[in-house]
């Protein structure tokens, strides 16, 4: 079993679609895959969450969502405001370790230091001995956000597997074109993927067929 943790430089950078692409690529290679979303926020019971988007795009993937909170806030804040329980680090780690799939992907919420409970995704990665994939934005501001994220991960003694640009535009501007060269230079991490803007709107079949073109975490 291989465990991979996916975080972002911030919220809304494309973590879920990048997670789906990694899962689709692995399934196309004949591997079994489970995607774990410890905490989903801003989604009511019965509404579509991140884990549902992964299932829609990737046939054959197993998905696990441990808890969801109604308000679109950091999970620990959302839990306290709703009166719902906080997740524990042991619970998340235990669920991941009990999985039997070839590839276990744990997708965080927001950035790597966002509190999921009284812990962060970085703590999860460290406990599991798993590398982290960082999903980054393509445009202005991404160099600073990406370098800060990579430095925090490496300072904790966790491996950065690489960077994925979560949404690459059809017509990139000057900053975006420069960032393709500058991101590896300032972070020391290689770019292992780039997801075309709008990929999440594709059919599951087309998404899965094209995912291998977009990401290569190996």
N, C-alpha and C. Protein backbone atom coordinates (compact mmCIF):
# COMPACT_ATOMS: atom_id res chain seq x y z
N UNK A 1 0.83 -1.20 0.00
CA UNK A 1 0.00 0.00 0.00
C UNK A 1 0.87 1.25 0.00
N UNK A 2 0.51 2.20 -0.85
CA UNK A 2 1.17 3.49 -0.90
C UNK A 2 0.20 4.56 -0.43
N UNK A 3 0.67 5.47 0.41
CA UNK A 3 -0.16 6.57 0.90
C UNK A 3 0.38 7.88 0.35
N UNK A 4 -0.51 8.70 -0.16
CA UNK A 4 -0.15 10.01 -0.70
C UNK A 4 -1.10 11.03 -0.10
N UNK A 5 -0.54 12.14 0.37
CA UNK A 5 -1.33 13.20 0.97
C UNK A 5 -1.34 14.39 0.01
N UNK A 6 -2.53 14.97 -0.19
CA UNK A 6 -2.66 16.09 -1.11
C UNK A 6 -3.11 17.33 -0.35
N UNK A 7 -2.34 18.40 -0.49
CA UNK A 7 -2.70 19.68 0.12
C UNK A 7 -2.66 20.75 -0.94
N UNK A 8 -3.05 21.96 -0.54
CA UNK A 8 -2.99 23.09 -1.47
C UNK A 8 -2.27 24.25 -0.85
N UNK A 9 -1.90 25.21 -1.67
CA UNK A 9 -1.28 26.43 -1.13
C UNK A 9 -2.34 27.32 -0.50
N UNK A 10 -3.59 27.07 -0.78
CA UNK A 10 -4.72 27.79 -0.19
C UNK A 10 -5.98 27.03 -0.57
N UNK A 11 -7.12 27.58 -0.22
CA UNK A 11 -8.38 26.98 -0.64
C UNK A 11 -8.69 27.39 -2.08
N UNK A 12 -9.42 26.55 -2.79
CA UNK A 12 -9.86 26.88 -4.13
C UNK A 12 -8.81 26.81 -5.22
N UNK A 13 -7.71 26.09 -4.97
CA UNK A 13 -6.65 26.00 -5.98
C UNK A 13 -6.76 24.75 -6.86
N UNK A 14 -7.73 23.87 -6.56
CA UNK A 14 -7.92 22.69 -7.41
C UNK A 14 -7.47 21.38 -6.81
N UNK A 15 -7.43 21.30 -5.47
CA UNK A 15 -6.98 20.06 -4.82
C UNK A 15 -7.81 18.86 -5.22
N UNK A 16 -9.14 19.04 -5.21
CA UNK A 16 -10.02 17.89 -5.45
C UNK A 16 -9.86 17.35 -6.86
N UNK A 17 -9.76 18.23 -7.85
CA UNK A 17 -9.61 17.76 -9.23
C UNK A 17 -8.23 17.14 -9.42
N UNK A 18 -7.21 17.69 -8.78
CA UNK A 18 -5.88 17.09 -8.83
C UNK A 18 -5.89 15.71 -8.17
N UNK A 19 -6.58 15.61 -7.04
CA UNK A 19 -6.72 14.32 -6.37
C UNK A 19 -7.40 13.31 -7.28
N UNK A 20 -8.46 13.74 -7.94
CA UNK A 20 -9.16 12.85 -8.87
C UNK A 20 -8.26 12.42 -10.01
N UNK A 21 -7.44 13.32 -10.52
CA UNK A 21 -6.54 12.98 -11.63
C UNK A 21 -5.50 11.95 -11.20
N UNK A 22 -4.96 12.11 -10.00
CA UNK A 22 -4.00 11.12 -9.49
C UNK A 22 -4.67 9.76 -9.35
N UNK A 23 -5.90 9.76 -8.82
CA UNK A 23 -6.63 8.51 -8.65
C UNK A 23 -6.93 7.87 -10.00
N UNK A 24 -7.36 8.68 -10.97
CA UNK A 24 -7.71 8.15 -12.29
C UNK A 24 -6.50 7.53 -12.97
N UNK A 25 -5.36 8.19 -12.85
CA UNK A 25 -4.14 7.66 -13.46
C UNK A 25 -3.77 6.30 -12.86
N UNK A 26 -3.89 6.20 -11.53
CA UNK A 26 -3.55 4.94 -10.87
C UNK A 26 -4.51 3.82 -11.26
N UNK A 27 -5.80 4.13 -11.33
CA UNK A 27 -6.79 3.12 -11.71
C UNK A 27 -6.57 2.67 -13.14
N UNK A 28 -6.22 3.60 -14.03
CA UNK A 28 -5.94 3.24 -15.42
C UNK A 28 -4.76 2.29 -15.53
N UNK A 29 -3.87 2.32 -14.54
CA UNK A 29 -2.71 1.43 -14.52
C UNK A 29 -3.01 0.11 -13.81
N UNK A 30 -4.26 -0.06 -13.40
CA UNK A 30 -4.66 -1.32 -12.78
C UNK A 30 -4.59 -1.34 -11.27
N UNK A 31 -4.35 -0.21 -10.64
CA UNK A 31 -4.28 -0.16 -9.18
C UNK A 31 -5.66 0.10 -8.58
N UNK A 32 -5.85 -0.38 -7.37
CA UNK A 32 -7.05 -0.03 -6.60
C UNK A 32 -6.74 1.22 -5.80
N UNK A 33 -7.74 2.10 -5.67
CA UNK A 33 -7.51 3.41 -5.06
C UNK A 33 -8.65 3.76 -4.11
N UNK A 34 -8.31 4.34 -2.97
CA UNK A 34 -9.29 4.94 -2.08
C UNK A 34 -8.87 6.38 -1.81
N UNK A 35 -9.84 7.28 -1.83
CA UNK A 35 -9.60 8.68 -1.51
C UNK A 35 -10.32 9.00 -0.21
N UNK A 36 -9.57 9.53 0.75
CA UNK A 36 -10.11 9.87 2.06
C UNK A 36 -10.16 11.39 2.20
N UNK A 37 -11.31 11.93 2.53
CA UNK A 37 -11.48 13.34 2.85
C UNK A 37 -11.85 13.39 4.33
N UNK A 38 -10.90 13.69 5.21
CA UNK A 38 -11.21 13.67 6.64
C UNK A 38 -12.35 14.60 7.02
N UNK A 39 -12.30 15.85 6.55
CA UNK A 39 -13.32 16.82 6.93
C UNK A 39 -13.74 17.65 5.73
N UNK A 40 -15.04 17.71 5.49
CA UNK A 40 -15.62 18.55 4.45
C UNK A 40 -16.38 19.68 5.14
N UNK A 41 -16.16 20.91 4.71
CA UNK A 41 -16.87 22.03 5.30
C UNK A 41 -17.69 22.76 4.24
N UNK A 42 -18.70 23.49 4.70
CA UNK A 42 -19.52 24.28 3.80
C UNK A 42 -20.50 23.48 2.98
N UNK A 43 -20.79 22.26 3.39
CA UNK A 43 -21.69 21.37 2.65
C UNK A 43 -22.65 20.72 3.63
N UNK A 44 -23.93 20.78 3.32
CA UNK A 44 -24.94 20.18 4.18
C UNK A 44 -25.12 18.70 3.86
N UNK A 45 -25.67 17.92 4.79
CA UNK A 45 -25.96 16.50 4.50
C UNK A 45 -26.80 16.36 3.23
N UNK A 46 -26.39 15.46 2.36
CA UNK A 46 -27.12 15.24 1.12
C UNK A 46 -26.64 16.08 -0.04
N UNK A 47 -25.86 17.13 0.23
CA UNK A 47 -25.31 17.95 -0.84
C UNK A 47 -24.03 17.34 -1.39
N UNK A 48 -23.63 17.78 -2.56
CA UNK A 48 -22.43 17.25 -3.21
C UNK A 48 -21.19 17.89 -2.60
N UNK A 49 -20.28 17.06 -2.13
CA UNK A 49 -19.01 17.52 -1.58
C UNK A 49 -17.85 17.10 -2.46
N UNK A 50 -16.65 17.39 -1.98
CA UNK A 50 -15.44 17.08 -2.75
C UNK A 50 -15.35 15.60 -3.09
N UNK A 51 -15.69 14.77 -2.12
CA UNK A 51 -15.54 13.33 -2.32
C UNK A 51 -16.51 12.83 -3.39
N UNK A 52 -17.66 13.50 -3.51
CA UNK A 52 -18.62 13.14 -4.54
C UNK A 52 -18.12 13.52 -5.93
N UNK A 53 -17.40 14.65 -6.02
CA UNK A 53 -16.80 15.04 -7.29
C UNK A 53 -15.77 14.01 -7.74
N UNK A 54 -14.97 13.52 -6.80
CA UNK A 54 -13.98 12.49 -7.14
C UNK A 54 -14.69 11.24 -7.66
N UNK A 55 -15.73 10.81 -6.98
CA UNK A 55 -16.46 9.60 -7.39
C UNK A 55 -17.11 9.78 -8.75
N UNK A 56 -17.60 11.00 -9.04
CA UNK A 56 -18.23 11.27 -10.33
C UNK A 56 -17.22 11.20 -11.47
N UNK A 57 -16.01 11.67 -11.22
CA UNK A 57 -15.00 11.75 -12.27
C UNK A 57 -14.21 10.46 -12.47
N UNK A 58 -14.13 9.64 -11.43
CA UNK A 58 -13.24 8.47 -11.46
C UNK A 58 -14.02 7.20 -11.14
N UNK A 59 -14.34 6.43 -12.16
CA UNK A 59 -15.03 5.17 -11.95
C UNK A 59 -14.11 4.18 -11.25
N UNK A 60 -14.65 3.49 -10.26
CA UNK A 60 -13.89 2.45 -9.59
C UNK A 60 -13.16 2.90 -8.35
N UNK A 61 -13.14 4.20 -8.06
CA UNK A 61 -12.45 4.67 -6.86
C UNK A 61 -13.37 4.49 -5.66
N UNK A 62 -12.81 4.13 -4.52
CA UNK A 62 -13.57 4.10 -3.28
C UNK A 62 -13.32 5.41 -2.55
N UNK A 63 -14.36 5.93 -1.94
CA UNK A 63 -14.23 7.22 -1.26
C UNK A 63 -14.70 7.13 0.18
N UNK A 64 -14.04 7.90 1.05
CA UNK A 64 -14.39 7.94 2.47
C UNK A 64 -14.38 9.39 2.92
N UNK A 65 -15.49 9.84 3.47
CA UNK A 65 -15.58 11.15 4.11
C UNK A 65 -15.90 10.90 5.58
N UNK A 66 -15.05 11.40 6.48
CA UNK A 66 -15.25 11.10 7.89
C UNK A 66 -16.28 11.99 8.55
N UNK A 67 -16.31 13.27 8.20
CA UNK A 67 -17.28 14.17 8.80
C UNK A 67 -17.45 15.39 7.91
N UNK A 68 -18.62 16.01 7.97
CA UNK A 68 -18.83 17.27 7.26
C UNK A 68 -19.50 18.28 8.19
N UNK A 69 -19.08 19.52 8.02
CA UNK A 69 -19.60 20.62 8.83
C UNK A 69 -20.31 21.61 7.90
N UNK A 70 -21.41 22.21 8.35
CA UNK A 70 -22.22 23.02 7.45
C UNK A 70 -21.61 24.36 7.03
N UNK A 71 -20.79 24.97 7.85
CA UNK A 71 -20.29 26.31 7.52
C UNK A 71 -18.97 26.24 6.77
N UNK A 72 -18.74 27.13 5.79
CA UNK A 72 -17.51 27.11 4.99
C UNK A 72 -16.34 27.77 5.71
N UNK A 73 -15.83 27.06 6.70
CA UNK A 73 -14.75 27.56 7.56
C UNK A 73 -13.70 26.47 7.72
N UNK A 74 -12.60 26.82 8.38
CA UNK A 74 -11.63 25.79 8.74
C UNK A 74 -12.35 24.72 9.55
N UNK A 75 -12.00 23.44 9.38
CA UNK A 75 -12.76 22.38 10.06
C UNK A 75 -12.87 22.53 11.57
N UNK A 76 -11.79 22.93 12.24
CA UNK A 76 -11.89 23.04 13.69
C UNK A 76 -12.84 24.16 14.11
N UNK A 77 -12.80 25.29 13.39
CA UNK A 77 -13.72 26.39 13.68
C UNK A 77 -15.16 25.98 13.38
N UNK A 78 -15.35 25.32 12.23
CA UNK A 78 -16.69 24.88 11.84
C UNK A 78 -17.26 23.89 12.86
N UNK A 79 -16.40 23.02 13.38
CA UNK A 79 -16.85 22.04 14.36
C UNK A 79 -17.31 22.72 15.64
N UNK A 80 -16.52 23.65 16.13
CA UNK A 80 -16.85 24.32 17.38
C UNK A 80 -18.13 25.15 17.24
N UNK A 81 -18.28 25.81 16.10
CA UNK A 81 -19.47 26.65 15.90
C UNK A 81 -20.74 25.81 15.76
N UNK A 82 -20.60 24.62 15.21
CA UNK A 82 -21.77 23.77 14.99
C UNK A 82 -22.11 22.91 16.20
N UNK A 83 -21.17 22.82 17.14
CA UNK A 83 -21.37 21.93 18.28
C UNK A 83 -21.10 20.48 17.95
N UNK A 84 -20.56 20.23 16.76
CA UNK A 84 -20.25 18.86 16.37
C UNK A 84 -18.87 18.48 16.88
N UNK A 85 -18.59 17.19 16.86
CA UNK A 85 -17.33 16.71 17.40
C UNK A 85 -16.15 17.10 16.51
N UNK A 86 -14.99 17.24 17.12
CA UNK A 86 -13.75 17.43 16.40
C UNK A 86 -13.18 16.07 16.02
N UNK A 87 -12.63 15.97 14.84
CA UNK A 87 -11.88 14.78 14.47
C UNK A 87 -10.60 14.69 15.30
N UNK A 88 -10.11 13.48 15.48
CA UNK A 88 -8.81 13.29 16.13
C UNK A 88 -7.80 12.79 15.13
N UNK A 89 -6.54 13.06 15.40
CA UNK A 89 -5.46 12.59 14.54
C UNK A 89 -5.46 11.07 14.49
N UNK A 90 -5.66 10.43 15.62
CA UNK A 90 -5.65 8.96 15.65
C UNK A 90 -6.74 8.38 14.76
N UNK A 91 -7.92 9.03 14.73
CA UNK A 91 -9.02 8.53 13.91
C UNK A 91 -8.65 8.56 12.43
N UNK A 92 -8.12 9.68 11.98
CA UNK A 92 -7.76 9.83 10.56
C UNK A 92 -6.66 8.85 10.18
N UNK A 93 -5.65 8.75 11.01
CA UNK A 93 -4.53 7.85 10.72
C UNK A 93 -5.00 6.40 10.72
N UNK A 94 -5.84 6.04 11.67
CA UNK A 94 -6.33 4.66 11.74
C UNK A 94 -7.13 4.27 10.52
N UNK A 95 -8.00 5.18 10.05
CA UNK A 95 -8.80 4.90 8.86
C UNK A 95 -7.88 4.66 7.66
N UNK A 96 -6.87 5.49 7.50
CA UNK A 96 -5.94 5.33 6.38
C UNK A 96 -5.19 4.01 6.47
N UNK A 97 -4.76 3.64 7.66
CA UNK A 97 -3.97 2.42 7.82
C UNK A 97 -4.81 1.16 7.63
N UNK A 98 -6.11 1.27 7.83
CA UNK A 98 -6.98 0.10 7.67
C UNK A 98 -7.36 -0.16 6.22
N UNK A 99 -7.05 0.78 5.33
CA UNK A 99 -7.39 0.61 3.92
C UNK A 99 -6.51 -0.47 3.29
N UNK A 100 -7.08 -1.19 2.33
CA UNK A 100 -6.37 -2.30 1.71
C UNK A 100 -6.02 -2.02 0.25
N UNK A 101 -6.40 -0.84 -0.24
CA UNK A 101 -6.14 -0.51 -1.64
C UNK A 101 -4.65 -0.32 -1.91
N UNK A 102 -4.29 -0.40 -3.19
CA UNK A 102 -2.90 -0.18 -3.59
C UNK A 102 -2.45 1.25 -3.30
N UNK A 103 -3.36 2.20 -3.52
CA UNK A 103 -3.04 3.61 -3.30
C UNK A 103 -4.10 4.25 -2.42
N UNK A 104 -3.65 4.88 -1.35
CA UNK A 104 -4.52 5.62 -0.43
C UNK A 104 -4.17 7.10 -0.56
N UNK A 105 -5.15 7.91 -0.94
CA UNK A 105 -4.93 9.35 -1.08
C UNK A 105 -5.73 10.06 0.00
N UNK A 106 -5.06 10.91 0.78
CA UNK A 106 -5.73 11.70 1.80
C UNK A 106 -5.73 13.15 1.34
N UNK A 107 -6.92 13.70 1.11
CA UNK A 107 -7.03 15.09 0.67
C UNK A 107 -7.40 16.00 1.83
N UNK A 108 -6.60 17.03 2.02
CA UNK A 108 -6.85 17.95 3.13
C UNK A 108 -7.90 18.99 2.81
N UNK A 109 -8.00 19.96 3.72
CA UNK A 109 -8.92 21.09 3.56
C UNK A 109 -8.09 22.36 3.59
N UNK A 110 -8.20 23.18 2.54
CA UNK A 110 -7.40 24.40 2.51
C UNK A 110 -5.92 24.11 2.43
N UNK A 111 -5.12 24.86 3.18
CA UNK A 111 -3.67 24.69 3.17
C UNK A 111 -3.18 23.67 4.18
N UNK A 112 -1.89 23.43 4.15
CA UNK A 112 -1.32 22.32 4.92
C UNK A 112 -1.38 22.55 6.43
N UNK A 113 -1.47 23.79 6.88
CA UNK A 113 -1.52 24.07 8.31
C UNK A 113 -2.91 24.42 8.82
N UNK A 114 -3.93 24.26 7.97
CA UNK A 114 -5.30 24.43 8.43
C UNK A 114 -5.62 23.34 9.45
N UNK A 115 -6.24 23.73 10.56
CA UNK A 115 -6.57 22.76 11.60
C UNK A 115 -7.77 21.92 11.19
N UNK A 116 -7.55 20.61 11.13
CA UNK A 116 -8.64 19.67 10.84
C UNK A 116 -9.38 19.35 12.13
N UNK A 117 -8.65 19.27 13.22
CA UNK A 117 -9.17 19.13 14.58
C UNK A 117 -8.15 19.87 15.43
N UNK A 118 -7.60 19.17 16.40
CA UNK A 118 -6.45 19.73 17.12
C UNK A 118 -5.16 19.27 16.44
N UNK A 119 -5.19 19.22 15.12
CA UNK A 119 -4.06 18.75 14.34
C UNK A 119 -4.21 19.27 12.92
N UNK A 120 -3.16 19.10 12.13
CA UNK A 120 -3.17 19.55 10.74
C UNK A 120 -2.90 18.38 9.80
N UNK A 121 -3.02 18.65 8.51
CA UNK A 121 -2.71 17.61 7.52
C UNK A 121 -1.24 17.24 7.58
N UNK A 122 -0.42 18.17 7.96
CA UNK A 122 1.01 17.89 8.11
C UNK A 122 1.24 16.83 9.17
N UNK A 123 0.48 16.90 10.25
CA UNK A 123 0.57 15.87 11.29
C UNK A 123 0.14 14.50 10.75
N UNK A 124 -0.89 14.50 9.91
CA UNK A 124 -1.36 13.24 9.31
C UNK A 124 -0.26 12.63 8.45
N UNK A 125 0.35 13.44 7.60
CA UNK A 125 1.41 12.94 6.73
C UNK A 125 2.58 12.40 7.53
N UNK A 126 2.93 13.12 8.59
CA UNK A 126 4.07 12.69 9.41
C UNK A 126 3.78 11.36 10.10
N UNK A 127 2.57 11.21 10.63
CA UNK A 127 2.21 9.96 11.31
C UNK A 127 2.17 8.78 10.34
N UNK A 128 1.72 9.03 9.12
CA UNK A 128 1.62 7.96 8.13
C UNK A 128 2.93 7.72 7.39
N UNK A 129 3.90 8.61 7.56
CA UNK A 129 5.16 8.50 6.81
C UNK A 129 4.93 8.69 5.33
N UNK A 130 3.99 9.56 4.99
CA UNK A 130 3.57 9.73 3.59
C UNK A 130 4.08 11.04 3.02
N UNK A 131 4.46 11.05 1.74
CA UNK A 131 4.84 12.30 1.08
C UNK A 131 3.61 13.15 0.77
N UNK A 132 3.84 14.43 0.53
CA UNK A 132 2.76 15.36 0.25
C UNK A 132 2.89 15.93 -1.16
N UNK A 133 1.79 15.94 -1.89
CA UNK A 133 1.70 16.65 -3.16
C UNK A 133 1.07 18.01 -2.87
N UNK A 134 1.70 19.06 -3.38
CA UNK A 134 1.20 20.42 -3.17
C UNK A 134 0.53 20.91 -4.45
N UNK A 135 -0.75 21.27 -4.35
CA UNK A 135 -1.48 21.82 -5.48
C UNK A 135 -1.42 23.34 -5.38
N UNK A 136 -0.97 23.97 -6.46
CA UNK A 136 -0.71 25.41 -6.45
C UNK A 136 -1.52 26.11 -7.53
N UNK A 137 -1.75 27.40 -7.31
CA UNK A 137 -2.37 28.24 -8.34
C UNK A 137 -1.33 28.53 -9.42
N UNK A 138 -1.80 29.04 -10.55
CA UNK A 138 -0.89 29.28 -11.68
C UNK A 138 -0.36 30.70 -11.75
N UNK A 139 -1.08 31.67 -11.18
CA UNK A 139 -0.78 33.06 -11.44
C UNK A 139 -0.02 33.79 -10.36
N UNK A 140 -0.12 35.12 -10.40
CA UNK A 140 0.60 35.96 -9.45
C UNK A 140 0.27 35.57 -8.01
N UNK A 141 1.30 35.55 -7.17
CA UNK A 141 1.14 35.17 -5.78
C UNK A 141 1.50 33.74 -5.48
N UNK A 142 1.53 32.92 -6.51
CA UNK A 142 1.75 31.49 -6.27
C UNK A 142 3.18 31.18 -5.83
N UNK A 143 4.15 31.98 -6.24
CA UNK A 143 5.54 31.71 -5.86
C UNK A 143 5.68 31.80 -4.34
N UNK A 144 5.16 32.87 -3.75
CA UNK A 144 5.23 33.05 -2.31
C UNK A 144 4.46 31.95 -1.58
N UNK A 145 3.22 31.72 -1.98
CA UNK A 145 2.40 30.72 -1.31
C UNK A 145 3.01 29.33 -1.42
N UNK A 146 3.55 29.01 -2.58
CA UNK A 146 4.12 27.67 -2.80
C UNK A 146 5.40 27.48 -2.01
N UNK A 147 6.25 28.49 -1.99
CA UNK A 147 7.50 28.36 -1.24
C UNK A 147 7.23 28.25 0.26
N UNK A 148 6.31 29.04 0.77
CA UNK A 148 5.97 28.95 2.19
C UNK A 148 5.44 27.56 2.53
N UNK A 149 4.59 27.02 1.68
CA UNK A 149 4.02 25.69 1.92
C UNK A 149 5.10 24.62 1.91
N UNK A 150 5.95 24.65 0.90
CA UNK A 150 7.01 23.65 0.79
C UNK A 150 7.97 23.75 1.97
N UNK A 151 8.32 24.95 2.36
CA UNK A 151 9.23 25.12 3.50
C UNK A 151 8.62 24.56 4.78
N UNK A 152 7.33 24.80 5.00
CA UNK A 152 6.67 24.28 6.20
C UNK A 152 6.68 22.76 6.22
N UNK A 153 6.41 22.15 5.07
CA UNK A 153 6.39 20.69 4.99
C UNK A 153 7.77 20.11 5.24
N UNK A 154 8.76 20.65 4.59
CA UNK A 154 10.12 20.13 4.74
C UNK A 154 10.67 20.37 6.14
N UNK A 155 10.29 21.49 6.75
CA UNK A 155 10.74 21.77 8.12
C UNK A 155 10.21 20.74 9.11
N UNK A 156 9.08 20.13 8.75
CA UNK A 156 8.48 19.09 9.61
C UNK A 156 9.07 17.71 9.32
N UNK A 157 10.00 17.65 8.38
CA UNK A 157 10.63 16.38 8.05
C UNK A 157 9.80 15.50 7.13
N UNK A 158 8.87 16.10 6.39
CA UNK A 158 8.01 15.36 5.47
C UNK A 158 8.45 15.63 4.04
N UNK A 159 8.41 14.62 3.22
CA UNK A 159 8.82 14.74 1.81
C UNK A 159 7.76 15.46 0.98
N UNK A 160 8.20 16.37 0.14
CA UNK A 160 7.32 16.97 -0.86
C UNK A 160 7.47 16.18 -2.14
N UNK A 161 6.40 15.52 -2.54
CA UNK A 161 6.44 14.67 -3.74
C UNK A 161 6.56 15.51 -5.00
N UNK A 162 5.94 16.70 -4.98
CA UNK A 162 6.00 17.58 -6.14
C UNK A 162 4.85 18.55 -6.13
N UNK A 163 4.83 19.41 -7.13
CA UNK A 163 3.79 20.42 -7.28
C UNK A 163 2.88 20.07 -8.45
N UNK A 164 1.59 20.32 -8.28
CA UNK A 164 0.63 20.23 -9.38
C UNK A 164 -0.05 21.60 -9.51
N UNK A 165 -0.05 22.13 -10.72
CA UNK A 165 -0.79 23.36 -10.96
C UNK A 165 -2.25 22.99 -11.13
N UNK A 166 -3.08 23.50 -10.22
CA UNK A 166 -4.45 23.01 -10.13
C UNK A 166 -5.37 23.43 -11.25
N UNK A 167 -5.07 24.54 -11.92
CA UNK A 167 -5.92 25.00 -13.02
C UNK A 167 -5.06 25.82 -13.98
N UNK A 168 -4.72 25.20 -15.10
CA UNK A 168 -3.87 25.86 -16.09
C UNK A 168 -4.74 26.42 -17.20
N UNK A 169 -4.69 27.75 -17.43
CA UNK A 169 -5.60 28.38 -18.40
C UNK A 169 -5.26 28.03 -19.84
N UNK A 170 -6.26 28.16 -20.69
CA UNK A 170 -6.05 27.92 -22.12
C UNK A 170 -5.08 28.91 -22.72
N UNK A 171 -5.14 30.15 -22.25
CA UNK A 171 -4.24 31.20 -22.72
C UNK A 171 -3.51 31.80 -21.53
N UNK A 172 -2.42 31.19 -21.08
CA UNK A 172 -1.69 31.68 -19.91
C UNK A 172 -1.07 33.06 -20.16
N UNK A 173 -1.07 33.89 -19.11
CA UNK A 173 -0.47 35.20 -19.24
C UNK A 173 1.03 35.13 -18.94
N UNK A 174 1.69 36.27 -18.94
CA UNK A 174 3.14 36.29 -18.77
C UNK A 174 3.55 35.70 -17.42
N UNK A 175 2.86 36.09 -16.35
CA UNK A 175 3.22 35.58 -15.02
C UNK A 175 3.08 34.07 -14.96
N UNK A 176 2.01 33.56 -15.53
CA UNK A 176 1.79 32.11 -15.51
C UNK A 176 2.86 31.37 -16.29
N UNK A 177 3.24 31.90 -17.42
CA UNK A 177 4.30 31.24 -18.21
C UNK A 177 5.62 31.27 -17.45
N UNK A 178 5.92 32.39 -16.80
CA UNK A 178 7.16 32.48 -16.03
C UNK A 178 7.14 31.55 -14.82
N UNK A 179 5.96 31.38 -14.23
CA UNK A 179 5.86 30.54 -13.03
C UNK A 179 6.19 29.08 -13.30
N UNK A 180 6.00 28.63 -14.52
CA UNK A 180 6.38 27.25 -14.85
C UNK A 180 7.86 27.02 -14.60
N UNK A 181 8.67 28.02 -14.86
CA UNK A 181 10.11 27.92 -14.62
C UNK A 181 10.47 28.30 -13.18
N UNK A 182 9.77 29.30 -12.65
CA UNK A 182 10.14 29.84 -11.34
C UNK A 182 9.69 28.97 -10.18
N UNK A 183 8.56 28.28 -10.30
CA UNK A 183 8.09 27.46 -9.19
C UNK A 183 9.11 26.40 -8.75
N UNK A 184 9.65 25.60 -9.65
CA UNK A 184 10.68 24.65 -9.22
C UNK A 184 11.92 25.34 -8.67
N UNK A 185 12.26 26.48 -9.23
CA UNK A 185 13.47 27.18 -8.80
C UNK A 185 13.35 27.68 -7.36
N UNK A 186 12.21 28.27 -7.00
CA UNK A 186 12.09 28.86 -5.66
C UNK A 186 11.70 27.83 -4.60
N UNK A 187 11.01 26.78 -5.00
CA UNK A 187 10.57 25.79 -4.01
C UNK A 187 11.52 24.61 -3.88
N UNK A 188 12.29 24.33 -4.93
CA UNK A 188 13.12 23.14 -4.94
C UNK A 188 12.32 21.87 -5.22
N UNK A 189 11.05 22.01 -5.55
CA UNK A 189 10.20 20.85 -5.85
C UNK A 189 9.84 20.85 -7.32
N UNK A 190 9.79 19.68 -7.92
CA UNK A 190 9.49 19.59 -9.34
C UNK A 190 7.98 19.69 -9.58
N UNK A 191 7.62 20.17 -10.75
CA UNK A 191 6.22 20.17 -11.15
C UNK A 191 5.89 18.81 -11.73
N UNK A 192 4.93 18.13 -11.11
CA UNK A 192 4.59 16.77 -11.54
C UNK A 192 3.24 16.72 -12.23
N UNK A 193 2.65 17.89 -12.45
CA UNK A 193 1.38 17.88 -13.15
C UNK A 193 0.80 19.26 -13.34
N UNK A 194 -0.13 19.35 -14.26
CA UNK A 194 -0.84 20.59 -14.55
C UNK A 194 -2.22 20.22 -15.07
N UNK A 195 -3.26 20.67 -14.39
CA UNK A 195 -4.63 20.30 -14.74
C UNK A 195 -5.24 21.42 -15.59
N UNK A 196 -5.75 21.11 -16.78
CA UNK A 196 -6.37 22.16 -17.60
C UNK A 196 -7.58 22.77 -16.90
N UNK A 197 -7.74 24.08 -17.03
CA UNK A 197 -8.93 24.73 -16.49
C UNK A 197 -10.18 24.08 -17.07
N UNK A 198 -11.16 23.85 -16.23
CA UNK A 198 -12.41 23.24 -16.68
C UNK A 198 -12.41 21.72 -16.71
N UNK A 199 -11.31 21.10 -16.28
CA UNK A 199 -11.23 19.63 -16.34
C UNK A 199 -12.31 18.97 -15.49
N UNK A 200 -12.70 19.62 -14.41
CA UNK A 200 -13.72 19.05 -13.54
C UNK A 200 -15.10 18.97 -14.16
N UNK A 201 -15.28 19.62 -15.31
CA UNK A 201 -16.58 19.59 -15.99
C UNK A 201 -16.65 18.48 -17.04
N UNK A 202 -15.57 17.77 -17.24
CA UNK A 202 -15.56 16.70 -18.23
C UNK A 202 -16.38 15.51 -17.75
N UNK A 203 -16.74 14.65 -18.67
CA UNK A 203 -17.37 13.39 -18.28
C UNK A 203 -16.33 12.51 -17.60
N UNK A 204 -16.81 11.56 -16.81
CA UNK A 204 -15.89 10.68 -16.12
C UNK A 204 -14.98 9.92 -17.07
N UNK A 205 -15.53 9.46 -18.19
CA UNK A 205 -14.74 8.69 -19.15
C UNK A 205 -13.63 9.54 -19.75
N UNK A 206 -13.99 10.76 -20.18
CA UNK A 206 -12.98 11.62 -20.79
C UNK A 206 -11.94 12.05 -19.76
N UNK A 207 -12.39 12.35 -18.54
CA UNK A 207 -11.46 12.74 -17.48
C UNK A 207 -10.45 11.64 -17.22
N UNK A 208 -10.93 10.42 -17.06
CA UNK A 208 -10.04 9.29 -16.77
C UNK A 208 -9.09 9.03 -17.93
N UNK A 209 -9.59 9.14 -19.15
CA UNK A 209 -8.74 8.89 -20.32
C UNK A 209 -7.62 9.91 -20.44
N UNK A 210 -7.86 11.13 -19.98
CA UNK A 210 -6.87 12.19 -20.15
C UNK A 210 -5.99 12.44 -18.92
N UNK A 211 -6.35 11.85 -17.80
CA UNK A 211 -5.65 12.14 -16.55
C UNK A 211 -4.16 11.83 -16.62
N UNK A 212 -3.81 10.77 -17.33
CA UNK A 212 -2.39 10.40 -17.42
C UNK A 212 -1.56 11.46 -18.13
N UNK A 213 -2.22 12.31 -18.95
CA UNK A 213 -1.52 13.39 -19.62
C UNK A 213 -1.22 14.54 -18.66
N UNK A 214 -1.99 14.62 -17.59
CA UNK A 214 -1.93 15.79 -16.71
C UNK A 214 -1.03 15.63 -15.50
N UNK A 215 -0.94 14.42 -14.97
CA UNK A 215 -0.17 14.22 -13.72
C UNK A 215 0.73 13.00 -13.85
N UNK A 216 1.87 13.08 -13.18
CA UNK A 216 2.79 11.95 -13.11
C UNK A 216 3.48 11.98 -11.75
N UNK A 217 2.81 11.52 -10.70
CA UNK A 217 3.38 11.58 -9.36
C UNK A 217 4.55 10.64 -9.12
N UNK A 218 4.82 9.79 -10.09
CA UNK A 218 5.92 8.83 -9.93
C UNK A 218 7.25 9.44 -10.32
